[in-house]
Amino acid sequence: MSGTRGQANLPALAVALLVVTSAAGLGLLVADAAFADAQREPVERETAVALSERLVAADAPLTTRRNVLNASRVAALDAEALDRSFPVAEGRSVRIRLDGETVVERGDPTGGTTVRRVVLVERRQAVTLPRVPDDGVTLPRRSPRATVTLDPPPAATVETVRANGRVVLHDPDGLRGSYDLALSRYETTRLRFEGEGPLPPPAVEVTYYPARTTKAELVVTVDG
């Protein structure tokens, strides 16, 4: 009688073991998925933070100085340049937005980790001075470069151009034409023109490139 009861309980025991084994397997799968998510999120965050920091570094390809983005360089950024200049982003879905506009997007960064930073965006515009005295001119605003166009009359020459006392152009036979000058962006520049004879206003034209900075939000999203 007891043997018959034992045989009758065998199917029930097998079913119970199957249920327990399945439940344990499912629990392991859920645990593995949760562990993978837990592992992935810190990596995503580290990558997003590292990329956002590198984008605004002082020596980054997109900046003129730390936390100041050059608008022209940012506009030229694409996925290929992103991987070349910022290897930390390679192989990942990435979106970079500046002041609400998407700069570059690769893959499908629909989720992931997002890092936001407040930055300055620098834009430069060409300004040509309407009249330049024959002895020299002080640029109204700091500029890292200037373009000087010299067209002295036949009775005059410009032999030397100085920027804050430093010789930036010199030709004893006379200067004529357009020249790009590298200037210090840390100080106001005084340009002086030295030569022979008077220089009427049309003889000298100076174009400089002052900066205008605006505050913006940089948003970096990394997924995967």
Foldseek 3Di string as FASTA:
>chain_A
DVVVVVVVCVVVVVVVVVVVVVVVVVVVVVVVVVVVVVVVQVLLVVLQVVLVQLCQDQPAPQAVGGQEGEPVSLQPDEPVVCCVRPVSQPPWFKWKDKQRHTSYTDDDLPDFDKDKDKGKYKYKDKDKDPFAFQFWDWDPAAFQKKKKAADFPPQKFWAFKDKVNHTFGGDPVGDHGIDMGGDDSVDTIIIGTDIDDGGGGVRMMMMGIHMDMDMIMMMMGIDD
